[in-house]
Amino acid sequence: MNLHARLSGGTTSTEIAHVSGRNASRPTILVVDDEPQIVGFLSDLLEDEGYRVCNACNGREAIHILQRESPSLVISDLMMPDVDGHQLVYYIHRQKSGQAPKVILMSAIERCSSKQGVPFLHKPFEIEDLLDLVDGTLGDGALVS
């Protein structure tokens, strides 16, 4: 099943929580997207997989969360107002250096972001492709470059 099929049920912004504490022993993932339905869907999906999830509705909010949280992974939309995905990766690389979370970028418009050396997922995506990419990215030990 792909992202758009799962989103058809709809998730409202009131259903999106900032941090879920029930999975504190699992890695934390920060989900960043300016579309609340995508944030809600990804948050629910990742929590169902046992991850602890933080959410941000834009890159600027993600930076504020990164100043107080230390997620293992950031999954971010590439194209957002104010601070986009590329700028967020740049911030993570400069500010978090040795303890930088890994990053996955996603976009419905652009097809790759290899210039930053981060995994990329094209929207709409298959759920299994996302979960495989999350597992692979968290398991490979590589930091943001």
N, C-alpha and C. Protein backbone atom coordinates (compact mmCIF):
# COMPACT_ATOMS: atom_id res chain seq x y z
N MET A 1 0.85 -1.17 0.00
CA MET A 1 0.00 0.00 0.00
C MET A 1 0.90 1.24 0.00
N ASN A 2 0.53 2.25 -0.77
CA ASN A 2 1.38 3.43 -0.82
C ASN A 2 0.86 4.55 0.07
N LEU A 3 1.66 5.60 0.15
CA LEU A 3 1.38 6.73 1.03
C LEU A 3 0.03 7.35 0.76
N HIS A 4 -0.29 7.63 -0.50
CA HIS A 4 -1.55 8.30 -0.81
C HIS A 4 -2.76 7.43 -0.47
N ALA A 5 -2.65 6.14 -0.64
CA ALA A 5 -3.76 5.26 -0.29
C ALA A 5 -4.01 5.27 1.22
N ARG A 6 -2.93 5.27 2.01
CA ARG A 6 -3.08 5.30 3.46
C ARG A 6 -3.57 6.65 3.97
N LEU A 7 -3.25 7.72 3.25
CA LEU A 7 -3.65 9.05 3.68
C LEU A 7 -5.11 9.36 3.40
N SER A 8 -5.75 8.56 2.58
CA SER A 8 -7.12 8.87 2.18
C SER A 8 -8.08 8.92 3.36
N GLY A 9 -7.72 8.22 4.46
CA GLY A 9 -8.55 8.28 5.67
C GLY A 9 -8.46 9.63 6.35
N GLY A 10 -7.38 10.34 6.16
CA GLY A 10 -7.21 11.69 6.71
C GLY A 10 -6.77 11.71 8.16
N THR A 11 -5.82 12.56 8.44
CA THR A 11 -5.34 12.80 9.78
C THR A 11 -5.35 14.29 10.00
N THR A 12 -5.92 14.73 11.09
CA THR A 12 -5.96 16.16 11.36
C THR A 12 -4.76 16.58 12.17
N SER A 13 -4.46 17.87 12.15
CA SER A 13 -3.32 18.36 12.90
C SER A 13 -3.48 18.16 14.40
N THR A 14 -4.71 18.05 14.87
CA THR A 14 -4.91 17.81 16.30
C THR A 14 -4.52 16.40 16.69
N GLU A 15 -4.38 15.51 15.72
CA GLU A 15 -3.97 14.15 16.01
C GLU A 15 -2.46 14.00 16.06
N ILE A 16 -1.73 15.07 15.76
CA ILE A 16 -0.27 14.99 15.69
C ILE A 16 0.32 15.44 17.02
N ALA A 17 0.95 14.52 17.72
CA ALA A 17 1.58 14.84 19.00
C ALA A 17 3.06 15.13 18.78
N HIS A 18 3.64 15.98 19.62
CA HIS A 18 5.05 16.31 19.47
C HIS A 18 5.97 15.15 19.81
N VAL A 19 5.78 14.52 20.94
CA VAL A 19 6.65 13.42 21.33
C VAL A 19 5.80 12.33 21.97
N SER A 20 6.05 11.11 21.55
CA SER A 20 5.37 9.98 22.16
C SER A 20 6.35 9.29 23.10
N GLY A 21 6.02 9.22 24.38
CA GLY A 21 6.94 8.66 25.36
C GLY A 21 6.83 7.17 25.55
N ARG A 22 5.90 6.50 24.89
CA ARG A 22 5.69 5.08 25.17
C ARG A 22 6.77 4.19 24.63
N ASN A 23 7.63 4.70 23.73
CA ASN A 23 8.69 3.88 23.14
C ASN A 23 10.06 4.47 23.44
N ALA A 24 10.28 4.88 24.68
CA ALA A 24 11.50 5.59 25.03
C ALA A 24 12.76 4.76 24.82
N SER A 25 12.68 3.43 24.83
CA SER A 25 13.88 2.61 24.66
C SER A 25 14.26 2.43 23.18
N ARG A 26 13.38 2.71 22.27
CA ARG A 26 13.66 2.59 20.83
C ARG A 26 14.26 3.89 20.31
N PRO A 27 14.92 3.85 19.14
CA PRO A 27 15.46 5.09 18.57
C PRO A 27 14.35 6.12 18.34
N THR A 28 14.73 7.38 18.46
CA THR A 28 13.80 8.47 18.21
C THR A 28 13.97 8.95 16.77
N ILE A 29 12.84 9.19 16.10
CA ILE A 29 12.84 9.69 14.74
C ILE A 29 12.08 11.02 14.73
N LEU A 30 12.69 12.04 14.12
CA LEU A 30 12.04 13.33 13.93
C LEU A 30 11.47 13.36 12.52
N VAL A 31 10.15 13.55 12.41
CA VAL A 31 9.47 13.63 11.13
C VAL A 31 9.17 15.10 10.85
N VAL A 32 9.59 15.59 9.67
CA VAL A 32 9.43 17.00 9.31
C VAL A 32 8.74 17.10 7.96
N ASP A 33 7.59 17.73 7.92
CA ASP A 33 6.88 17.95 6.66
C ASP A 33 5.87 19.06 6.88
N ASP A 34 5.66 19.87 5.84
CA ASP A 34 4.69 20.97 5.96
C ASP A 34 3.27 20.52 5.65
N GLU A 35 3.06 19.24 5.40
CA GLU A 35 1.73 18.69 5.19
C GLU A 35 1.35 17.87 6.43
N PRO A 36 0.40 18.36 7.24
CA PRO A 36 0.04 17.67 8.49
C PRO A 36 -0.39 16.22 8.29
N GLN A 37 -1.05 15.91 7.17
CA GLN A 37 -1.48 14.53 6.95
C GLN A 37 -0.28 13.59 6.82
N ILE A 38 0.77 14.05 6.18
CA ILE A 38 1.96 13.21 6.01
C ILE A 38 2.66 13.04 7.35
N VAL A 39 2.78 14.11 8.11
CA VAL A 39 3.39 14.02 9.44
C VAL A 39 2.61 13.03 10.30
N GLY A 40 1.29 13.16 10.32
CA GLY A 40 0.47 12.26 11.12
C GLY A 40 0.57 10.82 10.68
N PHE A 41 0.54 10.61 9.38
CA PHE A 41 0.64 9.25 8.85
C PHE A 41 1.99 8.62 9.21
N LEU A 42 3.08 9.34 8.94
CA LEU A 42 4.41 8.80 9.22
C LEU A 42 4.61 8.57 10.72
N SER A 43 4.12 9.49 11.52
CA SER A 43 4.23 9.35 12.97
C SER A 43 3.52 8.08 13.43
N ASP A 44 2.28 7.90 13.00
CA ASP A 44 1.52 6.70 13.38
C ASP A 44 2.22 5.43 12.91
N LEU A 45 2.68 5.43 11.67
CA LEU A 45 3.34 4.26 11.10
C LEU A 45 4.60 3.90 11.88
N LEU A 46 5.43 4.90 12.16
CA LEU A 46 6.69 4.65 12.86
C LEU A 46 6.46 4.26 14.32
N GLU A 47 5.46 4.86 14.96
CA GLU A 47 5.14 4.45 16.33
C GLU A 47 4.64 3.01 16.36
N ASP A 48 3.85 2.63 15.35
CA ASP A 48 3.38 1.24 15.26
C ASP A 48 4.55 0.27 15.09
N GLU A 49 5.64 0.76 14.52
CA GLU A 49 6.85 -0.06 14.34
C GLU A 49 7.74 -0.04 15.58
N GLY A 50 7.32 0.71 16.61
CA GLY A 50 8.04 0.72 17.88
C GLY A 50 9.00 1.88 18.07
N TYR A 51 9.04 2.82 17.15
CA TYR A 51 9.92 3.98 17.29
C TYR A 51 9.27 5.05 18.15
N ARG A 52 10.08 5.86 18.81
CA ARG A 52 9.64 7.07 19.48
C ARG A 52 9.69 8.17 18.43
N VAL A 53 8.68 9.01 18.34
CA VAL A 53 8.59 9.97 17.24
C VAL A 53 8.39 11.39 17.75
N CYS A 54 9.15 12.32 17.17
CA CYS A 54 8.95 13.76 17.36
C CYS A 54 8.49 14.30 16.02
N ASN A 55 7.66 15.33 16.03
CA ASN A 55 7.13 15.89 14.79
C ASN A 55 7.42 17.37 14.68
N ALA A 56 7.62 17.83 13.45
CA ALA A 56 7.76 19.26 13.17
C ALA A 56 7.02 19.55 11.87
N CYS A 57 6.35 20.71 11.83
CA CYS A 57 5.57 21.07 10.65
C CYS A 57 6.37 21.92 9.66
N ASN A 58 7.63 22.22 9.98
CA ASN A 58 8.50 22.94 9.05
C ASN A 58 9.95 22.82 9.53
N GLY A 59 10.87 23.28 8.70
CA GLY A 59 12.29 23.17 9.04
C GLY A 59 12.69 24.00 10.24
N ARG A 60 12.09 25.16 10.40
CA ARG A 60 12.42 26.02 11.54
C ARG A 60 12.02 25.34 12.85
N GLU A 61 10.83 24.75 12.88
CA GLU A 61 10.40 24.02 14.08
C GLU A 61 11.31 22.81 14.32
N ALA A 62 11.75 22.15 13.27
CA ALA A 62 12.66 21.02 13.40
C ALA A 62 13.96 21.44 14.07
N ILE A 63 14.48 22.60 13.70
CA ILE A 63 15.72 23.10 14.31
C ILE A 63 15.51 23.33 15.80
N HIS A 64 14.37 23.89 16.17
CA HIS A 64 14.07 24.10 17.60
C HIS A 64 14.02 22.77 18.34
N ILE A 65 13.42 21.76 17.73
CA ILE A 65 13.35 20.44 18.36
C ILE A 65 14.75 19.84 18.47
N LEU A 66 15.57 20.00 17.42
CA LEU A 66 16.93 19.45 17.45
C LEU A 66 17.80 20.12 18.51
N GLN A 67 17.44 21.31 18.93
CA GLN A 67 18.20 21.98 19.99
C GLN A 67 17.92 21.37 21.37
N ARG A 68 16.82 20.63 21.51
CA ARG A 68 16.51 20.03 22.81
C ARG A 68 16.38 18.51 22.77
N GLU A 69 16.24 17.93 21.59
CA GLU A 69 16.12 16.48 21.44
C GLU A 69 17.32 15.96 20.64
N SER A 70 17.60 14.68 20.76
CA SER A 70 18.68 14.06 20.00
C SER A 70 18.15 12.82 19.27
N PRO A 71 17.40 13.04 18.20
CA PRO A 71 16.87 11.88 17.47
C PRO A 71 18.00 11.11 16.78
N SER A 72 17.76 9.85 16.53
CA SER A 72 18.71 9.03 15.78
C SER A 72 18.57 9.26 14.29
N LEU A 73 17.36 9.67 13.87
CA LEU A 73 17.06 9.83 12.45
C LEU A 73 16.10 11.00 12.26
N VAL A 74 16.31 11.75 11.18
CA VAL A 74 15.38 12.80 10.76
C VAL A 74 14.86 12.41 9.38
N ILE A 75 13.54 12.35 9.24
CA ILE A 75 12.91 12.13 7.94
C ILE A 75 12.25 13.45 7.58
N SER A 76 12.75 14.09 6.51
CA SER A 76 12.29 15.44 6.19
C SER A 76 11.88 15.58 4.74
N ASP A 77 10.81 16.33 4.55
CA ASP A 77 10.44 16.76 3.21
C ASP A 77 11.54 17.67 2.70
N LEU A 78 11.75 17.65 1.42
CA LEU A 78 12.79 18.49 0.82
C LEU A 78 12.30 19.92 0.60
N MET A 79 11.09 20.07 0.09
CA MET A 79 10.59 21.38 -0.26
C MET A 79 9.59 21.88 0.78
N MET A 80 10.04 22.85 1.59
CA MET A 80 9.22 23.46 2.63
C MET A 80 9.51 24.95 2.65
N PRO A 81 8.55 25.75 3.12
CA PRO A 81 8.82 27.19 3.23
C PRO A 81 9.85 27.47 4.33
N ASP A 82 10.46 28.61 4.28
CA ASP A 82 11.48 29.07 5.24
C ASP A 82 12.74 28.21 5.18
N VAL A 83 12.79 27.15 5.96
CA VAL A 83 13.95 26.27 6.00
C VAL A 83 13.58 24.97 5.28
N ASP A 84 14.22 24.72 4.12
CA ASP A 84 13.90 23.51 3.37
C ASP A 84 14.77 22.34 3.83
N GLY A 85 14.57 21.19 3.21
CA GLY A 85 15.30 19.99 3.60
C GLY A 85 16.80 20.11 3.46
N HIS A 86 17.27 20.74 2.38
CA HIS A 86 18.72 20.92 2.20
C HIS A 86 19.30 21.80 3.31
N GLN A 87 18.61 22.87 3.65
CA GLN A 87 19.08 23.75 4.71
C GLN A 87 19.06 23.04 6.07
N LEU A 88 18.08 22.19 6.28
CA LEU A 88 18.01 21.42 7.52
C LEU A 88 19.20 20.46 7.62
N VAL A 89 19.54 19.79 6.53
CA VAL A 89 20.71 18.90 6.52
C VAL A 89 21.97 19.71 6.81
N TYR A 90 22.09 20.89 6.22
CA TYR A 90 23.25 21.75 6.46
C TYR A 90 23.33 22.12 7.94
N TYR A 91 22.22 22.50 8.54
CA TYR A 91 22.19 22.83 9.96
C TYR A 91 22.64 21.63 10.79
N ILE A 92 22.08 20.47 10.50
CA ILE A 92 22.42 19.26 11.26
C ILE A 92 23.91 18.99 11.17
N HIS A 93 24.46 19.09 9.98
CA HIS A 93 25.88 18.81 9.78
C HIS A 93 26.76 19.81 10.54
N ARG A 94 26.40 21.08 10.52
CA ARG A 94 27.21 22.13 11.17
C ARG A 94 27.03 22.16 12.67
N GLN A 95 25.80 22.02 13.15
CA GLN A 95 25.54 22.21 14.58
C GLN A 95 25.66 20.93 15.40
N LYS A 96 25.38 19.81 14.82
CA LYS A 96 25.33 18.56 15.58
C LYS A 96 26.60 17.73 15.37
N SER A 97 27.40 18.04 14.40
CA SER A 97 28.64 17.37 14.00
C SER A 97 28.77 15.93 14.52
N GLY A 98 29.50 15.71 15.61
CA GLY A 98 29.79 14.36 16.09
C GLY A 98 28.58 13.55 16.51
N GLN A 99 27.51 14.20 16.90
CA GLN A 99 26.32 13.48 17.33
C GLN A 99 25.15 13.70 16.38
N ALA A 100 25.46 13.92 15.12
CA ALA A 100 24.43 14.22 14.13
C ALA A 100 23.52 13.02 13.88
N PRO A 101 22.22 13.27 13.84
CA PRO A 101 21.32 12.18 13.45
C PRO A 101 21.48 11.89 11.96
N LYS A 102 21.11 10.70 11.58
CA LYS A 102 21.07 10.36 10.16
C LYS A 102 19.85 11.04 9.56
N VAL A 103 19.83 11.20 8.24
CA VAL A 103 18.75 11.93 7.59
C VAL A 103 18.27 11.17 6.37
N ILE A 104 16.95 11.17 6.17
CA ILE A 104 16.32 10.72 4.93
C ILE A 104 15.52 11.91 4.41
N LEU A 105 15.74 12.28 3.16
CA LEU A 105 14.96 13.35 2.54
C LEU A 105 13.92 12.72 1.62
N MET A 106 12.79 13.41 1.48
CA MET A 106 11.73 12.93 0.59
C MET A 106 11.11 14.10 -0.15
N SER A 107 10.60 13.83 -1.36
CA SER A 107 9.96 14.88 -2.15
C SER A 107 9.09 14.25 -3.22
N ALA A 108 8.02 14.96 -3.55
CA ALA A 108 7.16 14.54 -4.66
C ALA A 108 7.63 15.17 -5.96
N ILE A 109 8.47 16.19 -5.87
CA ILE A 109 8.89 16.93 -7.07
C ILE A 109 10.29 16.52 -7.51
N GLU A 110 11.26 16.68 -6.63
CA GLU A 110 12.63 16.32 -6.97
C GLU A 110 12.79 14.82 -6.85
N ARG A 111 13.74 14.29 -7.61
CA ARG A 111 13.94 12.84 -7.63
C ARG A 111 15.17 12.38 -6.85
N CYS A 112 16.12 13.26 -6.57
CA CYS A 112 17.28 12.80 -5.81
C CYS A 112 17.94 13.95 -5.08
N SER A 113 18.72 13.62 -4.08
CA SER A 113 19.46 14.62 -3.34
C SER A 113 20.88 14.13 -3.08
N SER A 114 21.43 13.42 -4.05
CA SER A 114 22.72 12.77 -3.87
C SER A 114 23.85 13.76 -3.57
N LYS A 115 23.65 15.04 -3.92
CA LYS A 115 24.72 15.99 -3.66
C LYS A 115 24.99 16.15 -2.17
N GLN A 116 24.04 15.79 -1.33
CA GLN A 116 24.25 15.86 0.12
C GLN A 116 24.56 14.49 0.72
N GLY A 117 24.58 13.46 -0.08
CA GLY A 117 24.92 12.14 0.40
C GLY A 117 23.95 11.55 1.39
N VAL A 118 22.67 11.88 1.28
CA VAL A 118 21.68 11.33 2.19
C VAL A 118 20.69 10.48 1.40
N PRO A 119 20.12 9.46 2.03
CA PRO A 119 19.11 8.66 1.34
C PRO A 119 17.92 9.52 0.94
N PHE A 120 17.29 9.13 -0.17
CA PHE A 120 16.18 9.91 -0.71
C PHE A 120 15.01 8.98 -1.03
N LEU A 121 13.80 9.47 -0.76
CA LEU A 121 12.58 8.72 -1.03
C LEU A 121 11.65 9.60 -1.84
N HIS A 122 11.21 9.11 -2.98
CA HIS A 122 10.29 9.87 -3.82
C HIS A 122 8.85 9.59 -3.40
N LYS A 123 8.06 10.66 -3.20
CA LYS A 123 6.64 10.53 -2.87
C LYS A 123 5.85 10.42 -4.16
N PRO A 124 4.81 9.64 -4.22
CA PRO A 124 4.34 8.71 -3.19
C PRO A 124 5.26 7.49 -3.13
N PHE A 125 5.38 6.91 -1.98
CA PHE A 125 6.25 5.76 -1.80
C PHE A 125 5.47 4.60 -1.21
N GLU A 126 6.03 3.43 -1.38
CA GLU A 126 5.45 2.24 -0.77
C GLU A 126 5.87 2.20 0.70
N ILE A 127 4.97 1.81 1.56
CA ILE A 127 5.25 1.76 2.99
C ILE A 127 6.46 0.87 3.29
N GLU A 128 6.51 -0.28 2.66
CA GLU A 128 7.64 -1.20 2.89
C GLU A 128 8.96 -0.58 2.46
N ASP A 129 8.95 0.22 1.38
CA ASP A 129 10.18 0.90 0.95
C ASP A 129 10.66 1.87 2.02
N LEU A 130 9.71 2.62 2.62
CA LEU A 130 10.07 3.55 3.69
C LEU A 130 10.64 2.80 4.88
N LEU A 131 9.95 1.76 5.33
CA LEU A 131 10.41 1.01 6.50
C LEU A 131 11.76 0.36 6.26
N ASP A 132 11.98 -0.17 5.05
CA ASP A 132 13.28 -0.76 4.72
C ASP A 132 14.37 0.30 4.75
N LEU A 133 14.07 1.50 4.22
CA LEU A 133 15.03 2.59 4.20
C LEU A 133 15.34 3.06 5.62
N VAL A 134 14.33 3.16 6.47
CA VAL A 134 14.54 3.55 7.87
C VAL A 134 15.43 2.52 8.56
N ASP A 135 15.10 1.24 8.44
CA ASP A 135 15.89 0.19 9.07
C ASP A 135 17.33 0.20 8.56
N GLY A 136 17.49 0.33 7.25
CA GLY A 136 18.83 0.35 6.66
C GLY A 136 19.64 1.56 7.08
N THR A 137 18.99 2.72 7.14
CA THR A 137 19.69 3.95 7.51
C THR A 137 20.09 3.93 8.98
N LEU A 138 19.23 3.46 9.83
CA LEU A 138 19.56 3.38 11.25
C LEU A 138 20.61 2.31 11.54
N GLY A 139 20.66 1.30 10.69
CA GLY A 139 21.58 0.18 10.93
C GLY A 139 22.95 0.30 10.32
N ASP A 140 23.16 1.27 9.41
CA ASP A 140 24.43 1.28 8.69
C ASP A 140 25.55 2.07 9.35
N GLY A 141 25.24 2.84 10.39
CA GLY A 141 26.29 3.56 11.12
C GLY A 141 26.81 4.83 10.47
N ALA A 142 26.29 5.20 9.29
CA ALA A 142 26.79 6.40 8.60
C ALA A 142 26.14 7.64 9.17
N LEU A 143 26.90 8.69 9.27
CA LEU A 143 26.39 9.98 9.72
C LEU A 143 26.12 10.87 8.53
N VAL A 144 25.42 11.95 8.76
CA VAL A 144 25.14 12.94 7.72
C VAL A 144 26.47 13.46 7.19
N SER A 145 26.58 13.55 5.87
CA SER A 145 27.81 14.09 5.30
C SER A 145 27.57 15.42 4.63
